[in-house]
Amino acid sequence: MSASFLKIDSKGRLVVPKSKRERDEIESGDLYVLDPNSAVGTITFVKVESPLLRHLAESQAEYEAGLGLTLDELAAELGIDLGSE
């Protein structure tokens, strides 16, 4: 395996060379998990193939973008009392 150099653009996105995308069948809309390993200063990207993991990742991204609700927020919106602990 040879090294690949990826450029980070002004918005913090990685630019993957076309030859690498074609060789590894990386397509628009593919989902990857970023696995940082600060102990050795590396970042590993793992392609998500599982429909469940894809759904969880998309749900997390929606929530982080302010498009989702917490369970407490949803219950309050629906008028449901979750009780106290």
PDB file of N, CA and C in Angstrom:
ATOM      1  N   MET A   1       0.851  -1.169   0.000  1.00  0.00           N
ATOM      2  CA  MET A   1       0.000   0.000   0.000  1.00  0.00           C
ATOM      3  C   MET A   1       0.898   1.233   0.000  1.00  0.00           C
ATOM      4  N   SER A   2       0.637   2.141  -0.940  1.00  0.00           N
ATOM      5  CA  SER A   2       1.431   3.358  -1.002  1.00  0.00           C
ATOM      6  C   SER A   2       0.728   4.476  -0.246  1.00  0.00           C
ATOM      7  N   ALA A   3       1.510   5.458   0.152  1.00  0.00           N
ATOM      8  CA  ALA A   3       0.954   6.589   0.892  1.00  0.00           C
ATOM      9  C   ALA A   3       0.093   7.438  -0.026  1.00  0.00           C
ATOM     10  N   SER A   4      -0.968   8.006   0.535  1.00  0.00           N
ATOM     11  CA  SER A   4      -1.808   8.949  -0.192  1.00  0.00           C
ATOM     12  C   SER A   4      -1.776  10.266   0.562  1.00  0.00           C
ATOM     13  N   PHE A   5      -1.616  11.349  -0.175  1.00  0.00           N
ATOM     14  CA  PHE A   5      -1.620  12.666   0.429  1.00  0.00           C
ATOM     15  C   PHE A   5      -2.986  13.290   0.195  1.00  0.00           C
ATOM     16  N   LEU A   6      -3.618  13.732   1.274  1.00  0.00           N
ATOM     17  CA  LEU A   6      -4.930  14.354   1.190  1.00  0.00           C
ATOM     18  C   LEU A   6      -4.812  15.802   1.623  1.00  0.00           C
ATOM     19  N   LYS A   7      -5.401  16.674   0.835  1.00  0.00           N
ATOM     20  CA  LYS A   7      -5.354  18.105   1.134  1.00  0.00           C
ATOM     21  C   LYS A   7      -6.614  18.493   1.904  1.00  0.00           C
ATOM     22  N   ILE A   8      -6.465  19.361   2.881  1.00  0.00           N
ATOM     23  CA  ILE A   8      -7.603  19.887   3.629  1.00  0.00           C
ATOM     24  C   ILE A   8      -7.938  21.253   3.045  1.00  0.00           C
ATOM     25  N   ASP A   9      -9.215  21.440   2.640  1.00  0.00           N
ATOM     26  CA  ASP A   9      -9.605  22.711   2.035  1.00  0.00           C
ATOM     27  C   ASP A   9      -9.928  23.752   3.106  1.00  0.00           C
ATOM     28  N   SER A  10     -10.333  24.942   2.674  1.00  0.00           N
ATOM     29  CA  SER A  10     -10.569  26.055   3.598  1.00  0.00           C
ATOM     30  C   SER A  10     -11.735  25.807   4.550  1.00  0.00           C
ATOM     31  N   LYS A  11     -12.603  24.843   4.243  1.00  0.00           N
ATOM     32  CA  LYS A  11     -13.724  24.505   5.122  1.00  0.00           C
ATOM     33  C   LYS A  11     -13.419  23.298   6.001  1.00  0.00           C
ATOM     34  N   GLY A  12     -12.168  22.824   5.977  1.00  0.00           N
ATOM     35  CA  GLY A  12     -11.767  21.710   6.824  1.00  0.00           C
ATOM     36  C   GLY A  12     -12.088  20.343   6.244  1.00  0.00           C
ATOM     37  N   ARG A  13     -12.453  20.291   4.973  1.00  0.00           N
ATOM     38  CA  ARG A  13     -12.783  19.012   4.332  1.00  0.00           C
ATOM     39  C   ARG A  13     -11.538  18.411   3.710  1.00  0.00           C
ATOM     40  N   LEU A  14     -11.480  17.091   3.727  1.00  0.00           N
ATOM     41  CA  LEU A  14     -10.381  16.394   3.068  1.00  0.00           C
ATOM     42  C   LEU A  14     -10.722  16.204   1.602  1.00  0.00           C
ATOM     43  N   VAL A  15      -9.752  16.451   0.747  1.00  0.00           N
ATOM     44  CA  VAL A  15      -9.927  16.244  -0.682  1.00  0.00           C
ATOM     45  C   VAL A  15      -9.229  14.935  -1.037  1.00  0.00           C
ATOM     46  N   VAL A  16     -10.022  13.945  -1.465  1.00  0.00           N
ATOM     47  CA  VAL A  16      -9.476  12.636  -1.825  1.00  0.00           C
ATOM     48  C   VAL A  16      -9.236  12.627  -3.335  1.00  0.00           C
ATOM     49  N   PRO A  17      -8.015  12.334  -3.762  1.00  0.00           N
ATOM     50  CA  PRO A  17      -7.720  12.338  -5.199  1.00  0.00           C
ATOM     51  C   PRO A  17      -8.629  11.375  -5.967  1.00  0.00           C
ATOM     52  N   LYS A  18      -8.960  11.748  -7.202  1.00  0.00           N
ATOM     53  CA  LYS A  18      -9.852  10.950  -8.032  1.00  0.00           C
ATOM     54  C   LYS A  18      -9.338   9.526  -8.201  1.00  0.00           C
ATOM     55  N   SER A  19      -8.043   9.357  -8.397  1.00  0.00           N
ATOM     56  CA  SER A  19      -7.486   8.012  -8.587  1.00  0.00           C
ATOM     57  C   SER A  19      -7.740   7.129  -7.363  1.00  0.00           C
ATOM     58  N   LYS A  20      -7.635   7.713  -6.168  1.00  0.00           N
ATOM     59  CA  LYS A  20      -7.897   6.978  -4.914  1.00  0.00           C
ATOM     60  C   LYS A  20      -9.384   6.648  -4.804  1.00  0.00           C
ATOM     61  N   ARG A  21     -10.264   7.632  -5.132  1.00  0.00           N
ATOM     62  CA  ARG A  21     -11.707   7.385  -5.076  1.00  0.00           C
ATOM     63  C   ARG A  21     -12.102   6.260  -6.022  1.00  0.00           C
ATOM     64  N   GLU A  22     -11.540   6.265  -7.223  1.00  0.00           N
ATOM     65  CA  GLU A  22     -11.871   5.215  -8.194  1.00  0.00           C
ATOM     66  C   GLU A  22     -11.335   3.865  -7.739  1.00  0.00           C
ATOM     67  N   ARG A  23     -10.092   3.818  -7.287  1.00  0.00           N
ATOM     68  CA  ARG A  23      -9.469   2.556  -6.870  1.00  0.00           C
ATOM     69  C   ARG A  23     -10.207   1.935  -5.689  1.00  0.00           C
ATOM     70  N   ASP A  24     -10.614   2.766  -4.718  1.00  0.00           N
ATOM     71  CA  ASP A  24     -11.252   2.258  -3.506  1.00  0.00           C
ATOM     72  C   ASP A  24     -12.777   2.339  -3.553  1.00  0.00           C
ATOM     73  N   GLU A  25     -13.309   2.701  -4.730  1.00  0.00           N
ATOM     74  CA  GLU A  25     -14.759   2.788  -4.938  1.00  0.00           C
ATOM     75  C   GLU A  25     -15.429   3.700  -3.900  1.00  0.00           C
ATOM     76  N   ILE A  26     -14.826   4.861  -3.686  1.00  0.00           N
ATOM     77  CA  ILE A  26     -15.376   5.866  -2.779  1.00  0.00           C
ATOM     78  C   ILE A  26     -16.318   6.740  -3.597  1.00  0.00           C
ATOM     79  N   GLU A  27     -17.571   6.819  -3.161  1.00  0.00           N
ATOM     80  CA  GLU A  27     -18.567   7.565  -3.915  1.00  0.00           C
ATOM     81  C   GLU A  27     -19.219   8.636  -3.044  1.00  0.00           C
ATOM     82  N   SER A  28     -19.779   9.632  -3.696  1.00  0.00           N
ATOM     83  CA  SER A  28     -20.502  10.691  -2.997  1.00  0.00           C
ATOM     84  C   SER A  28     -21.618  10.070  -2.168  1.00  0.00           C
ATOM     85  N   GLY A  29     -21.739  10.500  -0.935  1.00  0.00           N
ATOM     86  CA  GLY A  29     -22.775   9.966  -0.045  1.00  0.00           C
ATOM     87  C   GLY A  29     -22.313   8.796   0.805  1.00  0.00           C
ATOM     88  N   ASP A  30     -21.132   8.237   0.506  1.00  0.00           N
ATOM     89  CA  ASP A  30     -20.602   7.164   1.356  1.00  0.00           C
ATOM     90  C   ASP A  30     -20.385   7.717   2.755  1.00  0.00           C
ATOM     91  N   LEU A  31     -20.548   6.859   3.744  1.00  0.00           N
ATOM     92  CA  LEU A  31     -20.400   7.261   5.134  1.00  0.00           C
ATOM     93  C   LEU A  31     -19.176   6.577   5.719  1.00  0.00           C
ATOM     94  N   TYR A  32     -18.344   7.362   6.387  1.00  0.00           N
ATOM     95  CA  TYR A  32     -17.136   6.838   7.019  1.00  0.00           C
ATOM     96  C   TYR A  32     -17.124   7.228   8.488  1.00  0.00           C
ATOM     97  N   VAL A  33     -16.549   6.379   9.309  1.00  0.00           N
ATOM     98  CA  VAL A  33     -16.347   6.660  10.726  1.00  0.00           C
ATOM     99  C   VAL A  33     -14.921   7.179  10.873  1.00  0.00           C
ATOM    100  N   LEU A  34     -14.774   8.296  11.549  1.00  0.00           N
ATOM    101  CA  LEU A  34     -13.462   8.872  11.823  1.00  0.00           C
ATOM    102  C   LEU A  34     -12.994   8.315  13.156  1.00  0.00           C
ATOM    103  N   ASP A  35     -11.867   7.620  13.138  1.00  0.00           N
ATOM    104  CA  ASP A  35     -11.329   7.000  14.341  1.00  0.00           C
ATOM    105  C   ASP A  35      -9.968   7.622  14.656  1.00  0.00           C
ATOM    106  N   PRO A  36      -9.957   8.705  15.455  1.00  0.00           N
ATOM    107  CA  PRO A  36      -8.679   9.339  15.757  1.00  0.00           C
ATOM    108  C   PRO A  36      -7.892   8.544  16.794  1.00  0.00           C
ATOM    109  N   ASN A  37      -6.621   8.422  16.560  1.00  0.00           N
ATOM    110  CA  ASN A  37      -5.740   7.741  17.503  1.00  0.00           C
ATOM    111  C   ASN A  37      -4.639   8.724  17.867  1.00  0.00           C
ATOM    112  N   SER A  38      -4.920   9.563  18.853  1.00  0.00           N
ATOM    113  CA  SER A  38      -3.984  10.621  19.210  1.00  0.00           C
ATOM    114  C   SER A  38      -2.673  10.088  19.774  1.00  0.00           C
ATOM    115  N   ALA A  39      -2.673   8.848  20.243  1.00  0.00           N
ATOM    116  CA  ALA A  39      -1.449   8.287  20.822  1.00  0.00           C
ATOM    117  C   ALA A  39      -0.338   8.215  19.772  1.00  0.00           C
ATOM    118  N   VAL A  40      -0.704   7.958  18.531  1.00  0.00           N
ATOM    119  CA  VAL A  40       0.315   7.866  17.479  1.00  0.00           C
ATOM    120  C   VAL A  40       0.122   8.930  16.403  1.00  0.00           C
ATOM    121  N   GLY A  41      -0.844   9.829  16.597  1.00  0.00           N
ATOM    122  CA  GLY A  41      -1.056  10.925  15.665  1.00  0.00           C
ATOM    123  C   GLY A  41      -1.627  10.519  14.318  1.00  0.00           C
ATOM    124  N   THR A  42      -2.454   9.480  14.308  1.00  0.00           N
ATOM    125  CA  THR A  42      -3.049   9.033  13.047  1.00  0.00           C
ATOM    126  C   THR A  42      -4.564   9.194  13.091  1.00  0.00           C
ATOM    127  N   ILE A  43      -5.149   9.235  11.911  1.00  0.00           N
ATOM    128  CA  ILE A  43      -6.598   9.250  11.775  1.00  0.00           C
ATOM    129  C   ILE A  43      -6.959   8.121  10.822  1.00  0.00           C
ATOM    130  N   THR A  44      -7.880   7.271  11.235  1.00  0.00           N
ATOM    131  CA  THR A  44      -8.310   6.152  10.409  1.00  0.00           C
ATOM    132  C   THR A  44      -9.754   6.379  10.001  1.00  0.00           C
ATOM    133  N   PHE A  45     -10.041   6.173   8.717  1.00  0.00           N
ATOM    134  CA  PHE A  45     -11.403   6.264   8.209  1.00  0.00           C
ATOM    135  C   PHE A  45     -11.868   4.861   7.872  1.00  0.00           C
ATOM    136  N   VAL A  46     -13.037   4.492   8.370  1.00  0.00           N
ATOM    137  CA  VAL A  46     -13.593   3.166   8.131  1.00  0.00           C
ATOM    138  C   VAL A  46     -14.950   3.331   7.465  1.00  0.00           C
ATOM    139  N   LYS A  47     -15.130   2.711   6.305  1.00  0.00           N
ATOM    140  CA  LYS A  47     -16.396   2.826   5.581  1.00  0.00           C
ATOM    141  C   LYS A  47     -17.491   2.099   6.333  1.00  0.00           C
ATOM    142  N   VAL A  48     -18.643   2.758   6.485  1.00  0.00           N
ATOM    143  CA  VAL A  48     -19.788   2.172   7.178  1.00  0.00           C
ATOM    144  C   VAL A  48     -20.620   1.393   6.172  1.00  0.00           C
ATOM    145  N   GLU A  49     -20.768   0.106   6.403  1.00  0.00           N
ATOM    146  CA  GLU A  49     -21.551  -0.758   5.513  1.00  0.00           C
ATOM    147  C   GLU A  49     -22.878  -1.165   6.141  1.00  0.00           C
ATOM    148  N   SER A  50     -22.960  -1.185   7.465  1.00  0.00           N
ATOM    149  CA  SER A  50     -24.143  -1.643   8.186  1.00  0.00           C
ATOM    150  C   SER A  50     -25.271  -0.615   8.097  1.00  0.00           C
ATOM    151  N   PRO A  51     -26.477  -1.025   7.691  1.00  0.00           N
ATOM    152  CA  PRO A  51     -27.606  -0.087   7.660  1.00  0.00           C
ATOM    153  C   PRO A  51     -27.899   0.513   9.038  1.00  0.00           C
ATOM    154  N   LEU A  52     -27.742  -0.267  10.104  1.00  0.00           N
ATOM    155  CA  LEU A  52     -27.992   0.238  11.446  1.00  0.00           C
ATOM    156  C   LEU A  52     -26.987   1.330  11.811  1.00  0.00           C
ATOM    157  N   LEU A  53     -25.707   1.074  11.565  1.00  0.00           N
ATOM    158  CA  LEU A  53     -24.689   2.082  11.874  1.00  0.00           C
ATOM    159  C   LEU A  53     -24.881   3.326  11.014  1.00  0.00           C
ATOM    160  N   ARG A  54     -25.284   3.149   9.762  1.00  0.00           N
ATOM    161  CA  ARG A  54     -25.546   4.287   8.879  1.00  0.00           C
ATOM    162  C   ARG A  54     -26.681   5.139   9.462  1.00  0.00           C
ATOM    163  N   HIS A  55     -27.746   4.478   9.907  1.00  0.00           N
ATOM    164  CA  HIS A  55     -28.887   5.202  10.484  1.00  0.00           C
ATOM    165  C   HIS A  55     -28.468   5.952  11.753  1.00  0.00           C
ATOM    166  N   LEU A  56     -27.702   5.293  12.611  1.00  0.00           N
ATOM    167  CA  LEU A  56     -27.246   5.935  13.841  1.00  0.00           C
ATOM    168  C   LEU A  56     -26.369   7.150  13.544  1.00  0.00           C
ATOM    169  N   ALA A  57     -25.470   7.017  12.584  1.00  0.00           N
ATOM    170  CA  ALA A  57     -24.586   8.131  12.234  1.00  0.00           C
ATOM    171  C   ALA A  57     -25.370   9.287  11.636  1.00  0.00           C
ATOM    172  N   GLU A  58     -26.326   8.980  10.775  1.00  0.00           N
ATOM    173  CA  GLU A  58     -27.134  10.039  10.174  1.00  0.00           C
ATOM    174  C   GLU A  58     -27.996  10.731  11.235  1.00  0.00           C
ATOM    175  N   SER A  59     -28.529   9.961  12.172  1.00  0.00           N
ATOM    176  CA  SER A  59     -29.326  10.537  13.255  1.00  0.00           C
ATOM    177  C   SER A  59     -28.471  11.449  14.125  1.00  0.00           C
ATOM    178  N   GLN A  60     -27.254  11.028  14.420  1.00  0.00           N
ATOM    179  CA  GLN A  60     -26.351  11.851  15.228  1.00  0.00           C
ATOM    180  C   GLN A  60     -26.028  13.144  14.495  1.00  0.00           C
ATOM    181  N   ALA A  61     -25.753  13.063  13.198  1.00  0.00           N
ATOM    182  CA  ALA A  61     -25.433  14.256  12.415  1.00  0.00           C
ATOM    183  C   ALA A  61     -26.618  15.218  12.397  1.00  0.00           C
ATOM    184  N   GLU A  62     -27.834  14.692  12.254  1.00  0.00           N
ATOM    185  CA  GLU A  62     -29.032  15.532  12.269  1.00  0.00           C
ATOM    186  C   GLU A  62     -29.190  16.221  13.627  1.00  0.00           C
ATOM    187  N   TYR A  63     -28.982  15.476  14.705  1.00  0.00           N
ATOM    188  CA  TYR A  63     -29.103  16.051  16.043  1.00  0.00           C
ATOM    189  C   TYR A  63     -28.076  17.156  16.256  1.00  0.00           C
ATOM    190  N   GLU A  64     -26.821  16.886  15.847  1.00  0.00           N
ATOM    191  CA  GLU A  64     -25.759  17.878  16.017  1.00  0.00           C
ATOM    192  C   GLU A  64     -26.017  19.125  15.178  1.00  0.00           C
ATOM    193  N   ALA A  65     -26.763  18.975  14.091  1.00  0.00           N
ATOM    194  CA  ALA A  65     -27.109  20.118  13.238  1.00  0.00           C
ATOM    195  C   ALA A  65     -28.335  20.853  13.765  1.00  0.00           C
ATOM    196  N   GLY A  66     -28.869  20.394  14.904  1.00  0.00           N
ATOM    197  CA  GLY A  66     -30.024  21.045  15.499  1.00  0.00           C
ATOM    198  C   GLY A  66     -31.345  20.592  14.910  1.00  0.00           C
ATOM    199  N   LEU A  67     -31.338  19.463  14.211  1.00  0.00           N
ATOM    200  CA  LEU A  67     -32.555  18.981  13.554  1.00  0.00           C
ATOM    201  C   LEU A  67     -33.279  17.901  14.346  1.00  0.00           C
ATOM    202  N   GLY A  68     -32.752  17.536  15.490  1.00  0.00           N
ATOM    203  CA  GLY A  68     -33.366  16.465  16.275  1.00  0.00           C
ATOM    204  C   GLY A  68     -33.770  16.949  17.656  1.00  0.00           C
ATOM    205  N   LEU A  69     -34.420  16.077  18.391  1.00  0.00           N
ATOM    206  CA  LEU A  69     -34.862  16.384  19.747  1.00  0.00           C
ATOM    207  C   LEU A  69     -34.322  15.338  20.704  1.00  0.00           C
ATOM    208  N   THR A  70     -34.087  15.751  21.940  1.00  0.00           N
ATOM    209  CA  THR A  70     -33.778  14.781  22.982  1.00  0.00           C
ATOM    210  C   THR A  70     -35.087  14.114  23.392  1.00  0.00           C
ATOM    211  N   LEU A  71     -35.006  13.025  24.128  1.00  0.00           N
ATOM    212  CA  LEU A  71     -36.209  12.344  24.606  1.00  0.00           C
ATOM    213  C   LEU A  71     -37.036  13.292  25.473  1.00  0.00           C
ATOM    214  N   ASP A  72     -36.394  14.066  26.338  1.00  0.00           N
ATOM    215  CA  ASP A  72     -37.106  15.021  27.192  1.00  0.00           C
ATOM    216  C   ASP A  72     -37.825  16.081  26.358  1.00  0.00           C
ATOM    217  N   GLU A  73     -37.148  16.595  25.315  1.00  0.00           N
ATOM    218  CA  GLU A  73     -37.761  17.602  24.456  1.00  0.00           C
ATOM    219  C   GLU A  73     -38.973  17.037  23.708  1.00  0.00           C
ATOM    220  N   LEU A  74     -38.832  15.818  23.200  1.00  0.00           N
ATOM    221  CA  LEU A  74     -39.935  15.184  22.479  1.00  0.00           C
ATOM    222  C   LEU A  74     -41.119  14.942  23.405  1.00  0.00           C
ATOM    223  N   ALA A  75     -40.845  14.452  24.616  1.00  0.00           N
ATOM    224  CA  ALA A  75     -41.915  14.197  25.579  1.00  0.00           C
ATOM    225  C   ALA A  75     -42.651  15.494  25.924  1.00  0.00           C
ATOM    226  N   ALA A  76     -41.882  16.557  26.137  1.00  0.00           N
ATOM    227  CA  ALA A  76     -42.510  17.845  26.461  1.00  0.00           C
ATOM    228  C   ALA A  76     -43.365  18.332  25.294  1.00  0.00           C
ATOM    229  N   GLU A  77     -42.861  18.175  24.086  1.00  0.00           N
ATOM    230  CA  GLU A  77     -43.616  18.592  22.910  1.00  0.00           C
ATOM    231  C   GLU A  77     -44.922  17.810  22.759  1.00  0.00           C
ATOM    232  N   LEU A  78     -44.884  16.524  23.133  1.00  0.00           N
ATOM    233  CA  LEU A  78     -46.072  15.675  23.022  1.00  0.00           C
ATOM    234  C   LEU A  78     -46.941  15.702  24.280  1.00  0.00           C
ATOM    235  N   GLY A  79     -46.511  16.450  25.296  1.00  0.00           N
ATOM    236  CA  GLY A  79     -47.265  16.546  26.528  1.00  0.00           C
ATOM    237  C   GLY A  79     -47.192  15.290  27.380  1.00  0.00           C
ATOM    238  N   ILE A  80     -46.097  14.585  27.294  1.00  0.00           N
ATOM    239  CA  ILE A  80     -45.919  13.338  28.048  1.00  0.00           C
ATOM    240  C   ILE A  80     -45.052  13.624  29.256  1.00  0.00           C
ATOM    241  N   ASP A  81     -45.521  13.192  30.427  1.00  0.00           N
ATOM    242  CA  ASP A  81     -44.734  13.358  31.656  1.00  0.00           C
ATOM    243  C   ASP A  81     -43.886  12.116  31.847  1.00  0.00           C
ATOM    244  N   LEU A  82     -42.579  12.295  31.792  1.00  0.00           N
ATOM    245  CA  LEU A  82     -41.675  11.165  31.960  1.00  0.00           C
ATOM    246  C   LEU A  82     -41.423  10.849  33.430  1.00  0.00           C
ATOM    247  N   GLY A  83     -41.966  11.666  34.325  1.00  0.00           N
ATOM    248  CA  GLY A  83     -41.799  11.429  35.760  1.00  0.00           C
ATOM    249  C   GLY A  83     -40.444  11.914  36.222  1.00  0.00           C
ATOM    250  N   SER A  84     -40.253  11.872  37.507  1.00  0.00           N
ATOM    251  CA  SER A  84     -38.972  12.306  38.065  1.00  0.00           C
ATOM    252  C   SER A  84     -38.239  11.094  38.604  1.00  0.00           C
ATOM    253  N   GLU A  85     -36.939  11.271  38.759  1.00  0.00           N
ATOM    254  CA  GLU A  85     -36.123  10.141  39.258  1.00  0.00           C
ATOM    255  C   GLU A  85     -36.151  10.045  40.745  1.00  0.00           C
TER     256      GLU A  85
END
